[in-house]
């Protein structure tokens, strides 16, 4: 059992939540695109979207199921006060599940990495 229990996860359902996340930070990976935006709600929210050009209905459903399981595996990495949207890509069907979860874990960490000031000399 992990020392840091996973937070409960809120499901994004409204279009406005997805549009707000689209204006936030983005990280593209082989099997998905992760979007994140800070929100007032303390519980992290997660939404999934897979477009029709990705494949037929069973393929899109399988992509969403794989992404849901990857999020469940990485749920302890989600930061409170953020909404996340995963946009599924066709490559996530053939991607080994371990790679998918590893990439999601790295993407979440990269989104929340503190930004560093540009190096250079201060102006006098």
N, C-alpha and C. Protein backbone atom coordinates (compact mmCIF):
# COMPACT_ATOMS: atom_id res chain seq x y z
N UNK A 1 0.85 -1.19 0.00
CA UNK A 1 0.00 0.00 0.00
C UNK A 1 0.89 1.25 0.00
N UNK A 2 0.66 2.18 -0.91
CA UNK A 2 1.51 3.36 -0.98
C UNK A 2 1.32 4.26 0.23
N UNK A 3 2.39 5.00 0.59
CA UNK A 3 2.31 5.95 1.70
C UNK A 3 1.35 7.08 1.37
N UNK A 4 1.33 7.46 0.11
CA UNK A 4 0.52 8.57 -0.36
C UNK A 4 -0.70 8.01 -1.10
N UNK A 5 -1.84 7.85 -0.42
CA UNK A 5 -2.99 7.27 -1.10
C UNK A 5 -3.46 8.18 -2.23
N UNK A 6 -3.95 7.56 -3.28
CA UNK A 6 -4.39 8.31 -4.45
C UNK A 6 -5.62 9.15 -4.11
N UNK A 7 -5.67 10.32 -4.68
CA UNK A 7 -6.84 11.19 -4.51
C UNK A 7 -8.01 10.61 -5.28
N UNK A 8 -9.23 10.91 -4.86
CA UNK A 8 -10.36 10.51 -5.70
C UNK A 8 -10.29 11.30 -7.01
N UNK A 9 -10.84 10.74 -8.06
CA UNK A 9 -10.76 11.39 -9.37
C UNK A 9 -12.17 11.79 -9.81
N UNK A 10 -12.28 13.04 -10.22
CA UNK A 10 -13.54 13.58 -10.73
C UNK A 10 -13.54 13.38 -12.24
N UNK A 11 -14.67 13.03 -12.81
CA UNK A 11 -14.77 12.82 -14.25
C UNK A 11 -15.26 14.09 -14.93
N UNK A 12 -14.56 14.51 -15.96
CA UNK A 12 -14.99 15.69 -16.72
C UNK A 12 -16.09 15.27 -17.68
N UNK A 13 -17.19 16.02 -17.69
CA UNK A 13 -18.34 15.66 -18.53
C UNK A 13 -18.78 16.81 -19.43
N UNK A 14 -18.56 18.02 -19.00
CA UNK A 14 -19.08 19.18 -19.73
C UNK A 14 -18.08 19.69 -20.76
N UNK A 15 -18.61 20.14 -21.87
CA UNK A 15 -17.79 20.63 -22.97
C UNK A 15 -16.89 21.78 -22.52
N UNK A 16 -17.42 22.65 -21.66
CA UNK A 16 -16.65 23.80 -21.18
C UNK A 16 -15.39 23.35 -20.43
N UNK A 17 -15.46 22.23 -19.72
CA UNK A 17 -14.29 21.72 -19.01
C UNK A 17 -13.21 21.28 -20.00
N UNK A 18 -13.63 20.64 -21.09
CA UNK A 18 -12.68 20.20 -22.11
C UNK A 18 -12.06 21.40 -22.83
N UNK A 19 -12.88 22.41 -23.13
CA UNK A 19 -12.37 23.60 -23.81
C UNK A 19 -11.38 24.36 -22.92
N UNK A 20 -11.66 24.41 -21.62
CA UNK A 20 -10.74 25.09 -20.70
C UNK A 20 -9.41 24.35 -20.65
N UNK A 21 -9.45 23.03 -20.60
CA UNK A 21 -8.22 22.24 -20.57
C UNK A 21 -7.41 22.43 -21.86
N UNK A 22 -8.10 22.63 -22.98
CA UNK A 22 -7.41 22.83 -24.25
C UNK A 22 -6.60 24.11 -24.26
N UNK A 23 -6.97 25.07 -23.41
CA UNK A 23 -6.23 26.33 -23.32
C UNK A 23 -5.04 26.22 -22.36
N UNK A 24 -4.90 25.10 -21.68
CA UNK A 24 -3.82 24.93 -20.71
C UNK A 24 -2.56 24.35 -21.34
N UNK A 25 -1.78 23.69 -20.52
CA UNK A 25 -0.51 23.08 -20.97
C UNK A 25 -0.78 21.78 -21.71
N UNK A 26 0.08 21.47 -22.68
CA UNK A 26 -0.07 20.26 -23.48
C UNK A 26 1.25 19.50 -23.54
N UNK A 27 1.14 18.19 -23.48
CA UNK A 27 2.31 17.32 -23.68
C UNK A 27 1.88 16.24 -24.65
N UNK A 28 2.59 16.10 -25.76
CA UNK A 28 2.25 15.08 -26.76
C UNK A 28 3.16 13.87 -26.58
N UNK A 29 2.58 12.71 -26.62
CA UNK A 29 3.29 11.44 -26.56
C UNK A 29 2.82 10.57 -27.72
N UNK A 30 3.44 9.44 -27.91
CA UNK A 30 3.11 8.56 -29.03
C UNK A 30 1.66 8.11 -28.99
N UNK A 31 1.15 7.74 -27.82
CA UNK A 31 -0.19 7.18 -27.72
C UNK A 31 -1.27 8.15 -27.30
N UNK A 32 -0.90 9.36 -26.89
CA UNK A 32 -1.90 10.29 -26.40
C UNK A 32 -1.33 11.71 -26.35
N UNK A 33 -2.23 12.67 -26.16
CA UNK A 33 -1.86 14.04 -25.85
C UNK A 33 -2.48 14.32 -24.49
N UNK A 34 -1.70 14.86 -23.56
CA UNK A 34 -2.20 15.20 -22.23
C UNK A 34 -2.31 16.71 -22.14
N UNK A 35 -3.50 17.17 -21.76
CA UNK A 35 -3.74 18.60 -21.54
C UNK A 35 -4.05 18.78 -20.07
N UNK A 36 -3.59 19.87 -19.48
CA UNK A 36 -3.86 20.14 -18.06
C UNK A 36 -4.05 21.63 -17.85
N UNK A 37 -4.92 21.94 -16.88
CA UNK A 37 -5.19 23.33 -16.54
C UNK A 37 -5.52 23.39 -15.04
N UNK A 38 -5.03 24.42 -14.33
CA UNK A 38 -5.41 24.56 -12.92
C UNK A 38 -6.88 24.99 -12.80
N UNK A 39 -7.56 24.46 -11.80
CA UNK A 39 -8.96 24.81 -11.53
C UNK A 39 -9.15 25.01 -10.03
N UNK A 40 -10.31 25.54 -9.66
CA UNK A 40 -10.59 25.82 -8.25
C UNK A 40 -10.94 24.56 -7.46
N UNK A 41 -11.46 23.53 -8.13
CA UNK A 41 -11.88 22.31 -7.44
C UNK A 41 -10.65 21.57 -6.90
N UNK A 42 -10.65 21.18 -5.61
CA UNK A 42 -9.47 20.51 -5.04
C UNK A 42 -9.28 19.07 -5.53
N UNK A 43 -10.32 18.46 -6.08
CA UNK A 43 -10.22 17.09 -6.56
C UNK A 43 -9.80 17.11 -8.03
N UNK A 44 -8.75 16.36 -8.42
CA UNK A 44 -8.35 16.36 -9.83
C UNK A 44 -9.44 15.77 -10.72
N UNK A 45 -9.63 16.37 -11.87
CA UNK A 45 -10.62 15.89 -12.83
C UNK A 45 -9.94 15.34 -14.06
N UNK A 46 -10.50 14.26 -14.63
CA UNK A 46 -9.91 13.65 -15.82
C UNK A 46 -11.01 13.42 -16.85
N UNK A 47 -10.71 13.78 -18.10
CA UNK A 47 -11.62 13.54 -19.21
C UNK A 47 -10.87 12.85 -20.34
N UNK A 48 -11.62 12.14 -21.16
CA UNK A 48 -11.02 11.37 -22.26
C UNK A 48 -11.75 11.74 -23.54
N UNK A 49 -10.99 11.83 -24.62
CA UNK A 49 -11.61 12.07 -25.92
C UNK A 49 -10.81 11.33 -26.99
N UNK A 50 -11.54 10.72 -27.92
CA UNK A 50 -10.93 10.02 -29.04
C UNK A 50 -11.79 10.35 -30.26
N UNK A 51 -11.19 10.95 -31.27
CA UNK A 51 -11.95 11.39 -32.43
C UNK A 51 -12.29 10.22 -33.36
N UNK A 52 -13.28 10.43 -34.21
CA UNK A 52 -13.71 9.38 -35.14
C UNK A 52 -12.65 9.03 -36.16
N UNK A 53 -11.76 9.97 -36.47
CA UNK A 53 -10.73 9.65 -37.45
C UNK A 53 -9.70 8.66 -36.89
N UNK A 54 -9.76 8.42 -35.58
CA UNK A 54 -8.86 7.46 -34.94
C UNK A 54 -9.23 6.03 -35.28
N UNK A 55 -10.51 5.76 -35.48
CA UNK A 55 -10.93 4.40 -35.80
C UNK A 55 -12.42 4.22 -35.59
N UNK A 56 -12.87 2.98 -35.74
CA UNK A 56 -14.30 2.73 -35.55
C UNK A 56 -14.63 2.66 -34.05
N UNK A 57 -15.89 2.50 -33.73
CA UNK A 57 -16.36 2.57 -32.36
C UNK A 57 -15.65 1.59 -31.41
N UNK A 58 -15.52 0.31 -31.76
CA UNK A 58 -14.82 -0.60 -30.84
C UNK A 58 -13.37 -0.20 -30.59
N UNK A 59 -12.69 0.30 -31.62
CA UNK A 59 -11.30 0.73 -31.45
C UNK A 59 -11.23 1.96 -30.55
N UNK A 60 -12.12 2.92 -30.75
CA UNK A 60 -12.14 4.12 -29.91
C UNK A 60 -12.43 3.75 -28.45
N UNK A 61 -13.35 2.82 -28.25
CA UNK A 61 -13.67 2.39 -26.89
C UNK A 61 -12.48 1.70 -26.24
N UNK A 62 -11.77 0.88 -26.99
CA UNK A 62 -10.60 0.19 -26.46
C UNK A 62 -9.50 1.20 -26.08
N UNK A 63 -9.33 2.23 -26.90
CA UNK A 63 -8.36 3.28 -26.59
C UNK A 63 -8.73 3.95 -25.28
N UNK A 64 -10.01 4.31 -25.12
CA UNK A 64 -10.45 4.98 -23.89
C UNK A 64 -10.27 4.08 -22.67
N UNK A 65 -10.58 2.79 -22.82
CA UNK A 65 -10.40 1.86 -21.69
C UNK A 65 -8.94 1.76 -21.28
N UNK A 66 -8.05 1.69 -22.27
CA UNK A 66 -6.61 1.62 -21.97
C UNK A 66 -6.13 2.89 -21.28
N UNK A 67 -6.61 4.05 -21.74
CA UNK A 67 -6.22 5.32 -21.12
C UNK A 67 -6.77 5.43 -19.70
N UNK A 68 -8.01 4.97 -19.49
CA UNK A 68 -8.59 5.00 -18.14
C UNK A 68 -7.76 4.16 -17.17
N UNK A 69 -7.34 2.98 -17.63
CA UNK A 69 -6.53 2.11 -16.77
C UNK A 69 -5.15 2.73 -16.51
N UNK A 70 -4.59 3.39 -17.52
CA UNK A 70 -3.29 4.05 -17.33
C UNK A 70 -3.41 5.17 -16.30
N UNK A 71 -4.50 5.93 -16.36
CA UNK A 71 -4.72 6.99 -15.38
C UNK A 71 -4.91 6.40 -13.99
N UNK A 72 -5.64 5.30 -13.91
CA UNK A 72 -5.84 4.64 -12.61
C UNK A 72 -4.49 4.20 -12.03
N UNK A 73 -3.60 3.70 -12.90
CA UNK A 73 -2.28 3.26 -12.44
C UNK A 73 -1.41 4.43 -11.99
N UNK A 74 -1.63 5.61 -12.57
CA UNK A 74 -0.83 6.79 -12.24
C UNK A 74 -1.60 7.79 -11.39
N UNK A 75 -2.71 7.39 -10.80
CA UNK A 75 -3.58 8.34 -10.10
C UNK A 75 -2.90 9.03 -8.93
N UNK A 76 -1.89 8.40 -8.33
CA UNK A 76 -1.20 9.04 -7.22
C UNK A 76 -0.34 10.21 -7.69
N UNK A 77 -0.10 10.33 -9.00
CA UNK A 77 0.70 11.43 -9.55
C UNK A 77 -0.14 12.65 -9.90
N UNK A 78 -1.47 12.49 -9.99
CA UNK A 78 -2.33 13.61 -10.34
C UNK A 78 -2.30 14.65 -9.22
N UNK A 79 -2.27 15.91 -9.61
CA UNK A 79 -2.16 17.00 -8.65
C UNK A 79 -3.53 17.59 -8.38
N UNK A 80 -3.85 17.79 -7.10
CA UNK A 80 -5.12 18.39 -6.72
C UNK A 80 -5.24 19.78 -7.34
N UNK A 81 -6.45 20.16 -7.69
CA UNK A 81 -6.68 21.49 -8.26
C UNK A 81 -6.35 21.59 -9.74
N UNK A 82 -6.34 20.45 -10.44
CA UNK A 82 -6.07 20.45 -11.88
C UNK A 82 -7.08 19.58 -12.60
N UNK A 83 -7.39 19.96 -13.83
CA UNK A 83 -8.18 19.12 -14.72
C UNK A 83 -7.25 18.63 -15.81
N UNK A 84 -7.41 17.36 -16.16
CA UNK A 84 -6.59 16.73 -17.20
C UNK A 84 -7.51 16.18 -18.28
N UNK A 85 -7.09 16.32 -19.53
CA UNK A 85 -7.80 15.70 -20.65
C UNK A 85 -6.78 14.89 -21.43
N UNK A 86 -7.14 13.63 -21.66
CA UNK A 86 -6.30 12.74 -22.48
C UNK A 86 -6.96 12.59 -23.83
N UNK A 87 -6.23 12.94 -24.88
CA UNK A 87 -6.72 12.76 -26.25
C UNK A 87 -6.03 11.52 -26.78
N UNK A 88 -6.83 10.48 -27.03
CA UNK A 88 -6.28 9.21 -27.47
C UNK A 88 -5.84 9.23 -28.92
N UNK A 89 -4.74 8.57 -29.18
CA UNK A 89 -4.24 8.38 -30.55
C UNK A 89 -4.29 6.90 -30.89
N UNK A 90 -4.33 6.61 -32.16
CA UNK A 90 -4.42 5.24 -32.62
C UNK A 90 -3.25 4.37 -32.13
N UNK A 91 -2.08 4.98 -31.97
CA UNK A 91 -0.89 4.25 -31.54
C UNK A 91 -1.05 3.63 -30.16
N UNK A 92 -1.99 4.15 -29.36
CA UNK A 92 -2.17 3.61 -28.01
C UNK A 92 -2.76 2.20 -28.04
N UNK A 93 -3.32 1.78 -29.18
CA UNK A 93 -3.82 0.41 -29.31
C UNK A 93 -2.68 -0.60 -29.34
N UNK A 94 -1.59 -0.27 -30.03
CA UNK A 94 -0.48 -1.21 -30.17
C UNK A 94 0.64 -0.98 -29.16
N UNK A 95 0.59 0.15 -28.46
CA UNK A 95 1.60 0.46 -27.46
C UNK A 95 1.49 -0.50 -26.27
N UNK A 96 2.60 -1.12 -25.83
CA UNK A 96 2.53 -1.97 -24.63
C UNK A 96 2.03 -1.14 -23.44
N UNK A 97 1.19 -1.75 -22.61
CA UNK A 97 0.55 -1.03 -21.52
C UNK A 97 1.58 -0.42 -20.56
N UNK A 98 2.66 -1.14 -20.30
CA UNK A 98 3.70 -0.61 -19.41
C UNK A 98 4.29 0.69 -19.97
N UNK A 99 4.51 0.73 -21.28
CA UNK A 99 5.03 1.95 -21.91
C UNK A 99 4.02 3.08 -21.81
N UNK A 100 2.74 2.74 -22.00
CA UNK A 100 1.68 3.75 -21.94
C UNK A 100 1.64 4.38 -20.55
N UNK A 101 1.67 3.57 -19.50
CA UNK A 101 1.64 4.12 -18.14
C UNK A 101 2.92 4.88 -17.81
N UNK A 102 4.06 4.39 -18.29
CA UNK A 102 5.32 5.08 -18.04
C UNK A 102 5.32 6.46 -18.71
N UNK A 103 4.83 6.52 -19.94
CA UNK A 103 4.76 7.80 -20.65
C UNK A 103 3.78 8.77 -19.99
N UNK A 104 2.67 8.25 -19.50
CA UNK A 104 1.71 9.10 -18.80
C UNK A 104 2.33 9.64 -17.52
N UNK A 105 3.02 8.80 -16.80
CA UNK A 105 3.68 9.21 -15.56
C UNK A 105 4.69 10.33 -15.84
N UNK A 106 5.50 10.16 -16.89
CA UNK A 106 6.49 11.17 -17.27
C UNK A 106 5.81 12.47 -17.70
N UNK A 107 4.71 12.35 -18.45
CA UNK A 107 4.00 13.53 -18.94
C UNK A 107 3.42 14.34 -17.78
N UNK A 108 2.84 13.65 -16.79
CA UNK A 108 2.28 14.36 -15.63
C UNK A 108 3.40 15.05 -14.86
N UNK A 109 4.52 14.36 -14.67
CA UNK A 109 5.65 14.95 -13.95
C UNK A 109 6.18 16.17 -14.70
N UNK A 110 6.25 16.07 -16.02
CA UNK A 110 6.77 17.19 -16.81
C UNK A 110 5.84 18.40 -16.75
N UNK A 111 4.53 18.15 -16.74
CA UNK A 111 3.57 19.26 -16.65
C UNK A 111 3.73 20.04 -15.35
N UNK A 112 4.06 19.35 -14.29
CA UNK A 112 4.11 19.99 -12.98
C UNK A 112 5.52 20.32 -12.51
N UNK A 113 6.48 20.16 -13.41
CA UNK A 113 7.86 20.53 -13.09
C UNK A 113 7.94 22.05 -12.98
N UNK A 114 8.58 22.57 -11.93
CA UNK A 114 8.67 24.03 -11.81
C UNK A 114 9.47 24.60 -12.98
N UNK A 115 8.99 25.69 -13.49
CA UNK A 115 9.69 26.34 -14.61
C UNK A 115 10.88 27.11 -14.06
N UNK A 116 11.95 27.08 -14.80
CA UNK A 116 13.16 27.78 -14.39
C UNK A 116 13.28 29.08 -15.17
N UNK A 117 13.85 30.07 -14.51
CA UNK A 117 14.08 31.34 -15.17
C UNK A 117 15.15 31.13 -16.25
N UNK A 118 15.05 31.83 -17.36
CA UNK A 118 16.05 31.67 -18.40
C UNK A 118 17.43 32.06 -17.87
N UNK A 119 18.43 31.26 -18.25
CA UNK A 119 19.79 31.57 -17.78
C UNK A 119 20.32 32.75 -18.59
N UNK A 120 21.10 33.48 -17.96
CA UNK A 120 21.66 34.67 -18.61
C UNK A 120 22.12 35.63 -17.54
N UNK A 121 22.69 36.68 -17.96
CA UNK A 121 23.19 37.66 -17.01
C UNK A 121 22.12 38.71 -16.76
N UNK A 122 21.95 39.08 -15.51
CA UNK A 122 20.97 40.15 -15.22
C UNK A 122 21.43 41.45 -15.83
N UNK A 123 20.49 42.23 -16.25
CA UNK A 123 20.83 43.53 -16.83
C UNK A 123 21.17 44.51 -15.72
N UNK A 124 22.19 45.34 -15.94
CA UNK A 124 22.60 46.31 -14.89
C UNK A 124 21.61 47.41 -14.72
